[in-house]
Amino acid sequence: MVQDQLQSRDIKDPRVLQAMARVPRHLFIPEELRDRAYEDRPLPIGQDQTISQPYMVALMVEAMGLSGKERVLEVGTGSGYETAVLAELCAEVYSVERLERLAVRARSVIASLGYRNVFIFTGDGTLGLAKHAPYDAVVISAAAPCLPRPLLDQLGPGGCLVVPMGEEELQTLVRIRKTSEGLKEDYLGECHFVKLVGTYGWEE
């Protein structure tokens, strides 16, 4: 997976490649789909949600440029797979999942793998987690119609936010840096995610 799907498509950060190699993706998906766990495609995980394709996870994580000391907010825990990858790469991961059943399962898998720097909450991810802010980086793992303002407010100076943003059927992956001169945006390509549902997202 790492060689064929990531390195061949210009994922270059050695820390990201090592993290993707260490996290067992098959443990985060339903047992009946585990023979497809390392295919380069999203897979259903129940409740109309998916686990993102490995390349997209690597692209989003690499875009944050993590060094290992950061506090990261993840919106949309889902299966917990990206959460585990982030746990390999930063100091603390605070993750918010809207669906309780998915959050419970993600906590279980994360705990079974021994991660102690992950904190998973249930709630409206578009509101973030102000209690633990500011964050050095924020990643939104669902498609937003526009930038959720609370998440930008909870991003610390010099931090970056990565989000798929656009219409329901097609989005652009955007990296937003919070600089002393204002916000700087980079566009990282087209993508397709499930909808971000919440106060500052799509209606349920």
Protein backbone atom coordinates (compact mmCIF):
# COMPACT_ATOMS: atom_id res chain seq x y z
CA MET A 1 0.00 0.00 0.00
CA VAL A 2 2.69 2.49 1.01
CA GLN A 3 4.81 1.88 -2.07
CA ASP A 4 2.09 1.46 -4.68
CA GLN A 5 -0.49 3.99 -3.51
CA LEU A 6 1.44 6.63 -1.58
CA GLN A 7 5.07 6.91 -2.67
CA SER A 8 4.09 6.46 -6.32
CA ARG A 9 1.73 9.44 -5.98
CA ASP A 10 4.25 11.83 -4.39
CA ILE A 11 3.57 11.34 -0.70
CA LYS A 12 7.11 12.11 0.48
CA ASP A 13 7.09 12.88 4.20
CA PRO A 14 8.97 9.91 5.76
CA ARG A 15 7.09 10.27 9.05
CA VAL A 16 3.75 10.04 7.25
CA LEU A 17 4.86 7.01 5.25
CA GLN A 18 6.09 5.27 8.40
CA ALA A 19 2.84 6.03 10.24
CA MET A 20 0.76 4.69 7.36
CA ALA A 21 2.87 1.53 7.39
CA ARG A 22 2.41 1.03 11.14
CA VAL A 23 -1.35 1.52 11.50
CA PRO A 24 -3.31 -1.68 10.65
CA ARG A 25 -6.10 -0.33 8.44
CA HIS A 26 -7.99 -3.64 8.39
CA LEU A 27 -8.84 -3.31 12.09
CA PHE A 28 -10.86 -0.17 11.43
CA ILE A 29 -13.35 -1.64 8.97
CA PRO A 30 -16.10 -4.29 9.22
CA GLU A 31 -14.81 -7.86 9.23
CA GLU A 32 -16.63 -8.77 6.00
CA LEU A 33 -14.60 -6.12 4.13
CA ARG A 34 -11.18 -6.81 5.60
CA ASP A 35 -9.91 -8.58 2.50
CA ARG A 36 -10.28 -5.19 0.76
CA ALA A 37 -8.70 -3.15 3.56
CA TYR A 38 -5.60 -2.08 1.64
CA GLU A 39 -7.26 -1.18 -1.64
CA ASP A 40 -6.90 2.43 -2.72
CA ARG A 41 -10.53 3.32 -2.20
CA PRO A 42 -12.96 4.37 0.52
CA LEU A 43 -14.99 1.59 2.14
CA PRO A 44 -18.31 1.66 4.03
CA ILE A 45 -18.17 1.47 7.83
CA GLY A 46 -21.90 1.72 8.56
CA GLN A 47 -24.38 4.55 9.14
CA ASP A 48 -23.75 5.90 5.63
CA GLN A 49 -20.14 6.73 6.52
CA THR A 50 -16.87 5.59 4.98
CA ILE A 51 -13.21 5.11 5.79
CA SER A 52 -11.24 7.31 3.41
CA GLN A 53 -8.89 5.84 0.83
CA PRO A 54 -5.30 5.51 2.12
CA TYR A 55 -3.96 8.08 -0.34
CA MET A 56 -6.44 10.74 0.79
CA VAL A 57 -5.59 10.14 4.45
CA ALA A 58 -1.87 10.45 3.68
CA LEU A 59 -2.40 13.59 1.58
CA MET A 60 -4.41 15.34 4.29
CA VAL A 61 -2.01 14.39 7.06
CA GLU A 62 1.07 15.33 5.04
CA ALA A 63 -0.49 18.71 4.25
CA MET A 64 -0.44 19.59 7.95
CA GLY A 65 3.34 19.25 8.16
CA LEU A 66 3.35 17.72 11.64
CA SER A 67 6.63 17.50 13.55
CA GLY A 68 5.46 15.53 16.58
CA LYS A 69 4.79 18.27 19.14
CA GLU A 70 1.40 19.46 17.95
CA ARG A 71 -2.07 19.35 19.44
CA VAL A 72 -4.46 18.43 16.61
CA LEU A 73 -8.23 18.67 16.31
CA GLU A 74 -9.88 16.14 14.02
CA VAL A 75 -13.50 16.66 12.97
CA GLY A 76 -15.15 13.42 11.91
CA THR A 77 -13.56 10.48 13.74
CA GLY A 78 -15.42 7.93 11.63
CA SER A 79 -13.63 4.59 11.86
CA GLY A 80 -10.74 6.09 13.83
CA TYR A 81 -8.18 5.19 11.17
CA GLU A 82 -6.98 8.71 10.45
CA THR A 83 -7.11 9.36 14.20
CA ALA A 84 -4.59 6.56 14.74
CA VAL A 85 -2.33 7.88 11.97
CA LEU A 86 -2.42 11.29 13.62
CA ALA A 87 -1.61 9.71 16.99
CA GLU A 88 1.62 8.43 15.45
CA LEU A 89 2.53 11.91 14.26
CA CYS A 90 1.63 14.44 16.96
CA ALA A 91 1.50 14.91 20.71
CA GLU A 92 -2.27 14.93 21.23
CA VAL A 93 -5.30 14.22 19.05
CA TYR A 94 -8.73 15.57 19.98
CA SER A 95 -11.37 14.05 17.72
CA VAL A 96 -15.11 14.74 17.45
CA GLU A 97 -17.63 12.29 15.96
CA ARG A 98 -21.31 13.07 15.47
CA LEU A 99 -22.47 9.44 15.57
CA GLU A 100 -22.18 7.75 18.96
CA ARG A 101 -21.93 4.20 17.61
CA LEU A 102 -18.93 5.08 15.45
CA ALA A 103 -17.27 6.98 18.30
CA VAL A 104 -17.62 4.00 20.65
CA ARG A 105 -16.11 1.61 18.12
CA ALA A 106 -13.27 3.98 17.26
CA ARG A 107 -12.41 4.38 20.95
CA SER A 108 -12.30 0.60 21.34
CA VAL A 109 -9.97 0.02 18.39
CA ILE A 110 -7.74 2.95 19.33
CA ALA A 111 -7.45 1.67 22.91
CA SER A 112 -6.68 -1.87 21.75
CA LEU A 113 -3.72 -0.52 19.77
CA GLY A 114 -2.32 1.18 22.85
CA TYR A 115 -2.64 4.83 21.90
CA ARG A 116 -2.81 7.06 24.96
CA ASN A 117 -2.69 10.45 23.28
CA VAL A 118 -6.13 10.27 21.65
CA PHE A 119 -9.32 11.80 23.09
CA ILE A 120 -12.56 11.07 21.21
CA PHE A 121 -15.74 13.06 21.88
CA THR A 122 -19.29 12.81 20.56
CA GLY A 123 -20.98 15.97 19.34
CA ASP A 124 -21.28 18.58 16.61
CA GLY A 125 -17.79 18.70 15.13
CA THR A 126 -18.47 21.96 13.31
CA LEU A 127 -18.39 23.64 16.73
CA GLY A 128 -14.96 22.17 17.50
CA LEU A 129 -13.78 21.68 21.07
CA ALA A 130 -13.17 25.14 22.49
CA LYS A 131 -12.27 23.70 25.89
CA HIS A 132 -9.01 22.27 24.55
CA ALA A 133 -8.14 25.05 22.07
CA PRO A 134 -5.98 26.44 20.64
CA TYR A 135 -4.86 23.74 18.20
CA ASP A 136 -1.74 23.69 16.07
CA ALA A 137 -3.67 21.98 13.27
CA VAL A 138 -7.25 21.10 12.41
CA VAL A 139 -8.34 18.45 9.92
CA ILE A 140 -11.94 18.04 8.78
CA SER A 141 -12.66 14.58 7.41
CA ALA A 142 -16.00 15.41 5.81
CA ALA A 143 -17.14 17.76 3.06
CA ALA A 144 -17.95 21.28 4.24
CA PRO A 145 -20.12 23.70 2.21
CA CYS A 146 -18.07 26.56 3.67
CA LEU A 147 -15.38 27.06 6.31
CA PRO A 148 -16.80 26.46 9.83
CA ARG A 149 -15.86 29.66 11.65
CA PRO A 150 -15.51 28.12 15.15
CA LEU A 151 -12.79 25.78 13.86
CA LEU A 152 -10.82 28.65 12.40
CA ASP A 153 -11.20 30.56 15.67
CA GLN A 154 -9.83 27.58 17.61
CA LEU A 155 -6.77 27.33 15.36
CA GLY A 156 -3.70 28.89 16.95
CA PRO A 157 -1.42 31.45 15.28
CA GLY A 158 0.76 29.81 12.64
CA GLY A 159 -1.51 26.78 12.52
CA CYS A 160 -3.11 25.17 9.50
CA LEU A 161 -6.53 23.74 8.73
CA VAL A 162 -7.16 21.10 6.07
CA VAL A 163 -10.70 20.67 4.76
CA PRO A 164 -12.55 19.28 1.70
CA MET A 165 -14.83 22.14 0.72
CA GLY A 166 -17.40 22.61 -2.03
CA GLU A 167 -20.60 21.02 -3.34
CA GLU A 168 -22.19 17.78 -2.18
CA GLU A 169 -20.82 15.69 -5.04
CA LEU A 170 -17.38 17.23 -5.56
CA GLN A 171 -15.04 19.21 -3.36
CA THR A 172 -11.57 20.72 -3.39
CA LEU A 173 -9.10 19.83 -0.66
CA VAL A 174 -7.99 23.15 0.82
CA ARG A 175 -5.18 23.95 3.25
CA ILE A 176 -5.61 27.22 5.14
CA ARG A 177 -2.68 28.68 7.05
CA LYS A 178 -3.21 31.26 9.78
CA THR A 179 -0.35 33.71 9.32
CA SER A 180 0.45 37.11 10.81
CA GLU A 181 -0.55 38.60 7.46
CA GLY A 182 -3.91 36.84 7.33
CA LEU A 183 -5.16 33.55 5.89
CA LYS A 184 -3.25 31.82 3.12
CA GLU A 185 -5.00 29.15 1.05
CA ASP A 186 -3.50 26.29 -0.96
CA TYR A 187 -5.57 24.01 -3.19
CA LEU A 188 -4.55 20.36 -3.14
CA GLY A 189 -6.86 18.81 -5.72
CA GLU A 190 -10.38 17.51 -6.18
CA CYS A 191 -11.90 14.97 -3.80
CA HIS A 192 -15.17 13.45 -2.67
CA PHE A 193 -16.18 13.04 0.99
CA VAL A 194 -19.40 12.37 2.88
CA LYS A 195 -21.14 15.54 4.03
CA LEU A 196 -20.12 17.45 7.14
CA VAL A 197 -23.35 17.66 9.11
CA GLY A 198 -23.77 20.25 11.83
CA THR A 199 -24.45 23.85 12.76
CA TYR A 200 -21.75 25.15 10.37
CA GLY A 201 -22.12 22.34 7.85
CA TRP A 202 -24.91 20.65 5.92
CA GLU A 203 -28.32 20.04 7.45
CA GLU A 204 -28.98 16.43 8.46
